N, C-alpha and C. Protein backbone atom coordinates (compact mmCIF):
# COMPACT_ATOMS: atom_id res chain seq x y z
N MET A 1 110.34 -35.34 189.97
CA MET A 1 111.29 -36.25 189.64
C MET A 1 111.96 -35.77 188.09
N ALA A 2 113.14 -35.81 188.08
CA ALA A 2 113.81 -35.25 186.82
C ALA A 2 113.76 -36.38 185.68
N ASN A 3 113.28 -35.82 184.52
CA ASN A 3 113.31 -36.69 183.37
C ASN A 3 114.80 -37.14 183.04
N THR A 4 115.07 -38.45 182.98
CA THR A 4 116.40 -38.83 182.63
C THR A 4 116.57 -39.31 181.29
N SER A 5 115.56 -39.28 180.44
CA SER A 5 115.75 -39.77 179.09
C SER A 5 116.06 -38.55 178.17
N PRO A 6 116.94 -38.81 177.15
CA PRO A 6 117.46 -37.53 176.32
C PRO A 6 116.08 -37.09 175.64
N PRO A 7 115.99 -35.87 175.13
CA PRO A 7 114.93 -35.26 174.29
C PRO A 7 114.85 -36.15 172.92
N GLU A 8 113.66 -36.47 172.67
CA GLU A 8 113.43 -37.25 171.54
C GLU A 8 113.29 -36.28 170.20
N PRO A 9 113.98 -36.71 169.17
CA PRO A 9 113.93 -36.06 167.98
C PRO A 9 112.60 -36.16 167.23
N PRO A 10 112.24 -35.07 166.52
CA PRO A 10 111.06 -35.06 165.74
C PRO A 10 111.31 -36.27 164.59
N PRO A 11 110.28 -37.00 164.18
CA PRO A 11 110.57 -38.01 163.17
C PRO A 11 111.30 -37.37 161.95
N GLU A 12 111.02 -36.19 161.46
CA GLU A 12 111.66 -35.70 160.25
C GLU A 12 113.00 -35.31 160.63
N ALA A 13 113.53 -35.12 161.69
CA ALA A 13 114.89 -34.91 162.14
C ALA A 13 115.72 -35.92 162.43
N THR A 14 115.33 -37.17 162.16
CA THR A 14 116.10 -38.35 162.53
C THR A 14 116.94 -38.67 161.31
N ALA A 15 118.24 -38.69 161.47
CA ALA A 15 119.10 -38.99 160.38
C ALA A 15 119.32 -40.50 160.18
N THR A 16 119.34 -40.93 159.15
CA THR A 16 119.78 -42.58 158.75
C THR A 16 120.94 -42.49 157.75
N PRO A 17 121.77 -43.74 157.79
CA PRO A 17 122.77 -43.65 156.84
C PRO A 17 122.60 -43.24 155.55
N GLU A 18 121.35 -43.54 154.93
CA GLU A 18 120.90 -43.27 153.71
C GLU A 18 120.62 -41.77 153.53
N ALA A 19 120.00 -41.20 154.61
CA ALA A 19 119.42 -39.94 154.47
C ALA A 19 119.90 -38.87 155.60
N PRO A 20 121.26 -38.27 155.33
CA PRO A 20 121.70 -37.47 156.56
C PRO A 20 120.73 -36.34 156.60
N LEU A 21 120.96 -35.67 157.88
CA LEU A 21 120.13 -34.64 158.16
C LEU A 21 120.58 -33.36 157.14
N SER A 22 119.57 -32.57 156.69
CA SER A 22 119.90 -31.44 156.10
C SER A 22 120.44 -30.32 156.97
N PHE A 23 121.09 -29.13 156.61
CA PHE A 23 121.51 -28.28 157.35
C PHE A 23 120.58 -27.62 158.34
N GLU A 24 119.38 -27.51 157.63
CA GLU A 24 118.24 -26.82 158.41
C GLU A 24 117.83 -27.77 159.46
N GLN A 25 117.70 -29.07 159.28
CA GLN A 25 117.35 -29.98 160.30
C GLN A 25 118.46 -30.27 161.31
N THR A 26 119.62 -30.09 160.99
CA THR A 26 120.64 -30.08 161.98
C THR A 26 120.62 -28.97 162.90
N LEU A 27 120.41 -27.69 162.47
CA LEU A 27 120.20 -26.57 163.12
C LEU A 27 118.84 -26.78 164.14
N GLU A 28 117.86 -27.12 163.49
CA GLU A 28 116.74 -27.20 164.31
C GLU A 28 116.81 -28.19 165.55
N ARG A 29 117.60 -29.33 165.26
CA ARG A 29 117.99 -30.32 166.42
C ARG A 29 118.71 -29.76 167.36
N LEU A 30 119.84 -28.88 166.89
CA LEU A 30 120.70 -28.32 167.89
C LEU A 30 119.91 -27.39 168.70
N VAL A 31 118.89 -26.61 168.23
CA VAL A 31 118.06 -25.62 168.98
C VAL A 31 117.37 -26.56 170.11
N GLN A 32 116.79 -27.59 169.65
CA GLN A 32 116.02 -28.61 170.46
C GLN A 32 116.93 -29.00 171.80
N LEU A 33 118.14 -29.43 171.28
CA LEU A 33 118.86 -29.91 172.54
C LEU A 33 119.47 -28.87 173.41
N VAL A 34 119.85 -27.56 172.94
CA VAL A 34 120.22 -26.38 173.70
C VAL A 34 119.02 -26.19 174.73
N ARG A 35 117.80 -26.06 174.08
CA ARG A 35 116.64 -25.84 175.00
C ARG A 35 116.50 -26.93 176.14
N SER A 36 116.51 -28.05 175.83
CA SER A 36 116.43 -29.18 176.69
C SER A 36 117.64 -29.10 177.75
N LEU A 37 118.72 -28.74 177.33
CA LEU A 37 119.86 -28.60 178.47
C LEU A 37 119.84 -27.40 179.22
N GLU A 38 119.29 -26.23 178.70
CA GLU A 38 119.07 -25.12 179.50
C GLU A 38 117.98 -25.22 180.38
N GLU A 39 116.92 -26.09 180.11
CA GLU A 39 115.75 -26.16 181.04
C GLU A 39 116.33 -26.84 182.35
N GLY A 40 117.16 -27.78 182.26
CA GLY A 40 117.73 -28.47 183.26
C GLY A 40 116.87 -29.54 183.88
N ARG A 41 115.98 -30.16 183.05
CA ARG A 41 115.15 -31.21 183.44
C ARG A 41 115.73 -32.49 183.21
N LEU A 42 116.92 -32.59 182.41
CA LEU A 42 117.56 -33.90 182.14
C LEU A 42 118.55 -34.26 183.18
N GLY A 43 118.51 -35.55 183.40
CA GLY A 43 119.46 -36.09 184.31
C GLY A 43 120.97 -35.92 183.74
N VAL A 44 121.88 -36.23 184.55
CA VAL A 44 123.19 -36.30 184.11
C VAL A 44 123.59 -37.05 182.86
N ASP A 45 123.07 -38.34 182.95
CA ASP A 45 123.33 -39.21 181.73
C ASP A 45 122.65 -38.65 180.44
N ALA A 46 121.44 -38.27 180.74
CA ALA A 46 120.77 -37.75 179.40
C ALA A 46 121.29 -36.33 179.08
N SER A 47 121.79 -35.65 179.85
CA SER A 47 122.46 -34.31 179.44
C SER A 47 123.66 -34.61 178.80
N LEU A 48 124.41 -35.58 179.20
CA LEU A 48 125.88 -35.98 178.63
C LEU A 48 125.37 -36.47 177.19
N ARG A 49 124.52 -37.32 176.91
CA ARG A 49 124.16 -37.84 175.63
C ARG A 49 123.64 -36.79 174.70
N ALA A 50 122.79 -35.85 175.35
CA ALA A 50 122.44 -34.59 174.53
C ALA A 50 123.64 -33.79 174.04
N TYR A 51 124.39 -33.48 175.06
CA TYR A 51 125.66 -32.69 174.69
C TYR A 51 126.40 -33.53 173.57
N GLU A 52 126.68 -34.72 173.75
CA GLU A 52 127.48 -35.40 172.73
C GLU A 52 126.79 -35.35 171.29
N GLU A 53 125.41 -35.53 171.36
CA GLU A 53 124.74 -35.54 170.11
C GLU A 53 124.86 -34.02 169.51
N GLY A 54 124.78 -33.06 170.51
CA GLY A 54 124.95 -31.73 169.96
C GLY A 54 126.32 -31.41 169.24
N VAL A 55 127.46 -32.03 169.88
CA VAL A 55 128.84 -31.76 169.26
C VAL A 55 128.80 -32.47 168.00
N ARG A 56 128.41 -33.62 167.85
CA ARG A 56 128.28 -34.37 166.50
C ARG A 56 127.48 -33.49 165.50
N LEU A 57 126.24 -33.05 165.93
CA LEU A 57 125.58 -32.12 164.91
C LEU A 57 126.33 -30.91 164.61
N LEU A 58 126.87 -30.26 165.56
CA LEU A 58 127.72 -28.98 165.28
C LEU A 58 128.84 -29.30 164.38
N ARG A 59 129.63 -30.44 164.38
CA ARG A 59 130.62 -30.74 163.39
C ARG A 59 130.07 -30.94 162.19
N ASN A 60 128.89 -31.68 162.07
CA ASN A 60 128.27 -32.00 160.76
C ASN A 60 127.85 -30.72 160.12
N GLY A 61 127.30 -29.63 160.86
CA GLY A 61 126.88 -28.39 160.33
C GLY A 61 128.00 -27.69 159.81
N HIS A 62 129.11 -27.64 160.52
CA HIS A 62 130.33 -26.84 159.97
C HIS A 62 130.82 -27.61 158.64
N THR A 63 130.80 -28.86 158.66
CA THR A 63 131.32 -29.59 157.49
C THR A 63 130.40 -29.24 156.25
N GLN A 64 129.18 -29.19 156.49
CA GLN A 64 128.14 -28.79 155.41
C GLN A 64 128.30 -27.37 154.86
N LEU A 65 128.70 -26.47 155.89
CA LEU A 65 128.97 -25.19 155.51
C LEU A 65 130.06 -24.98 154.61
N ARG A 66 131.35 -25.68 155.11
CA ARG A 66 132.49 -25.65 154.41
C ARG A 66 132.31 -26.12 152.92
N GLU A 67 131.67 -27.34 152.74
CA GLU A 67 131.34 -27.74 151.43
C GLU A 67 130.59 -26.74 150.46
N VAL A 68 129.56 -26.02 151.21
CA VAL A 68 128.88 -24.93 150.47
C VAL A 68 129.83 -23.86 149.90
N GLU A 69 130.66 -23.37 150.95
CA GLU A 69 131.53 -22.50 150.56
C GLU A 69 132.43 -22.76 149.40
N HIS A 70 132.83 -23.73 149.27
CA HIS A 70 133.64 -24.16 148.06
C HIS A 70 132.98 -24.34 147.01
N ARG A 71 131.60 -24.44 147.01
CA ARG A 71 130.87 -24.30 145.65
C ARG A 71 130.42 -22.99 145.28
N VAL A 72 130.60 -22.04 146.30
CA VAL A 72 130.03 -20.65 145.90
C VAL A 72 131.06 -20.06 144.89
N GLU A 73 130.46 -19.27 144.04
CA GLU A 73 131.18 -18.50 143.08
C GLU A 73 131.05 -17.11 143.34
N LEU A 74 132.05 -16.23 143.30
CA LEU A 74 131.86 -14.76 143.39
C LEU A 74 131.72 -14.16 141.97
N LEU A 75 130.77 -13.18 141.93
CA LEU A 75 130.73 -12.42 140.65
C LEU A 75 131.62 -11.32 140.68
N THR A 76 132.58 -11.33 139.64
CA THR A 76 133.71 -10.34 139.73
C THR A 76 133.42 -9.31 138.63
N GLY A 77 132.45 -9.41 137.92
CA GLY A 77 132.20 -8.28 136.78
C GLY A 77 131.51 -8.97 135.64
N VAL A 78 131.53 -8.48 134.54
CA VAL A 78 130.96 -9.01 133.31
C VAL A 78 131.82 -8.70 132.17
N ASP A 79 131.86 -9.62 131.11
CA ASP A 79 132.75 -9.47 130.02
C ASP A 79 132.20 -8.53 128.98
N GLU A 80 132.82 -8.31 127.79
CA GLU A 80 132.23 -7.56 126.78
C GLU A 80 131.05 -7.85 126.34
N ASN A 81 130.63 -9.16 126.30
CA ASN A 81 129.36 -9.64 125.97
C ASN A 81 128.39 -9.60 126.90
N GLY A 82 128.59 -9.06 128.10
CA GLY A 82 127.64 -8.91 129.18
C GLY A 82 127.38 -10.21 129.90
N GLN A 83 128.45 -11.21 129.73
CA GLN A 83 128.31 -12.45 130.43
C GLN A 83 128.99 -12.34 131.78
N PRO A 84 128.57 -12.89 132.91
CA PRO A 84 129.09 -12.73 134.06
C PRO A 84 130.48 -13.44 134.21
N LEU A 85 131.42 -12.82 134.97
CA LEU A 85 132.86 -13.36 135.12
C LEU A 85 132.68 -13.70 136.68
N THR A 86 132.95 -14.96 136.83
CA THR A 86 132.96 -15.39 138.40
C THR A 86 134.35 -16.11 138.69
N THR A 87 134.57 -16.06 139.93
CA THR A 87 135.80 -16.82 140.40
C THR A 87 135.36 -17.50 141.66
N GLY A 88 136.00 -18.64 141.93
CA GLY A 88 135.66 -19.61 143.04
C GLY A 88 135.93 -18.80 144.32
N PHE A 89 135.11 -19.23 145.24
CA PHE A 89 135.21 -18.62 146.57
C PHE A 89 136.56 -18.87 147.24
N ASP A 90 137.36 -17.95 147.62
CA ASP A 90 138.68 -18.19 148.11
C ASP A 90 138.77 -17.77 149.58
N GLU A 91 139.01 -18.87 150.34
CA GLU A 91 139.07 -18.54 151.82
C GLU A 91 140.29 -17.70 152.08
N SER A 92 141.22 -17.74 151.32
CA SER A 92 142.46 -17.07 151.57
C SER A 92 142.23 -15.50 151.63
N ASN A 93 141.12 -15.03 150.98
CA ASN A 93 140.78 -13.60 151.01
C ASN A 93 140.28 -13.21 152.33
N ASP A 94 140.03 -14.09 153.37
CA ASP A 94 139.52 -13.68 154.68
C ASP A 94 140.46 -12.68 155.34
N ASP A 95 141.88 -12.64 154.91
CA ASP A 95 142.74 -11.64 155.49
C ASP A 95 142.61 -10.21 154.83
N VAL A 96 141.93 -10.13 153.88
CA VAL A 96 141.75 -8.71 153.10
C VAL A 96 140.91 -7.99 153.85
N THR A 97 141.37 -6.74 154.07
CA THR A 97 140.47 -5.75 154.92
C THR A 97 139.36 -5.07 154.09
N LEU A 98 138.48 -4.61 154.75
CA LEU A 98 137.32 -3.91 153.94
C LEU A 98 137.90 -2.82 153.13
N GLU A 99 138.75 -2.19 153.53
CA GLU A 99 139.37 -1.16 152.68
C GLU A 99 139.79 -1.53 151.49
N GLU A 100 140.72 -2.74 151.58
CA GLU A 100 141.43 -3.35 150.26
C GLU A 100 140.12 -3.62 149.47
N LYS A 101 139.18 -4.42 149.87
CA LYS A 101 138.11 -4.89 149.11
C LYS A 101 137.49 -3.71 148.33
N ALA A 102 137.27 -2.66 149.05
CA ALA A 102 136.46 -1.41 148.30
C ALA A 102 137.49 -0.80 147.32
N ARG A 103 138.83 -0.79 147.66
CA ARG A 103 139.72 -0.36 146.61
C ARG A 103 139.74 -1.31 145.46
N ASP A 104 139.71 -2.51 145.68
CA ASP A 104 139.63 -3.39 144.46
C ASP A 104 138.42 -3.23 143.64
N ARG A 105 137.18 -3.00 144.44
CA ARG A 105 135.92 -2.79 143.76
C ARG A 105 135.99 -1.64 142.84
N ALA A 106 136.40 -0.51 143.50
CA ALA A 106 136.66 0.70 142.75
C ALA A 106 137.46 0.62 141.51
N LYS A 107 138.62 -0.12 141.57
CA LYS A 107 139.50 -0.37 140.47
C LYS A 107 138.80 -0.98 139.45
N ARG A 108 138.05 -2.22 139.68
CA ARG A 108 137.31 -2.78 138.72
C ARG A 108 136.23 -2.07 138.07
N ARG A 109 135.60 -1.27 138.93
CA ARG A 109 134.57 -0.24 138.26
C ARG A 109 135.11 0.65 137.33
N SER A 110 136.33 1.26 137.63
CA SER A 110 136.84 2.19 136.79
C SER A 110 137.44 1.58 135.48
N ILE A 111 137.81 0.29 135.59
CA ILE A 111 138.18 -0.40 134.40
C ILE A 111 136.98 -0.73 133.58
N ASP A 112 135.88 -1.00 134.20
CA ASP A 112 134.56 -1.45 133.45
C ASP A 112 134.07 -0.16 132.84
N ASP A 113 134.16 1.16 133.62
CA ASP A 113 133.73 2.25 132.97
C ASP A 113 134.59 2.72 131.74
N ASP A 114 136.00 2.46 131.83
CA ASP A 114 136.84 2.78 130.79
C ASP A 114 136.62 2.02 129.38
N SER A 115 136.13 0.73 129.71
CA SER A 115 135.81 -0.12 128.47
C SER A 115 134.51 0.12 127.85
N MET A 116 133.81 1.18 128.48
CA MET A 116 132.48 1.32 127.88
C MET A 116 132.39 2.33 126.79
């Protein structure tokens, strides 16, 4: 007989309003849900609940990643005192090709070499 209850989360992977899941816990729980769904031992209702939980976890994980991306700074070089020069992570640069990035890096390197 098929197990109709949803997979139980491990105690450390249970989110509470005070302590949301970390990204790693979210990913671990998603893996558990996918395995449970792939095994096919859940009933229709339990599968639907697991799927809905997975969608919520996926959205949460994407939100966490976007927040981290906004906090990341890119190292763009060093100033004359050897201090790092950084700029905020800019999602609009996603359209830049690898060749354009390489040209920009080469340009920055030549400027750095000229200033030494």
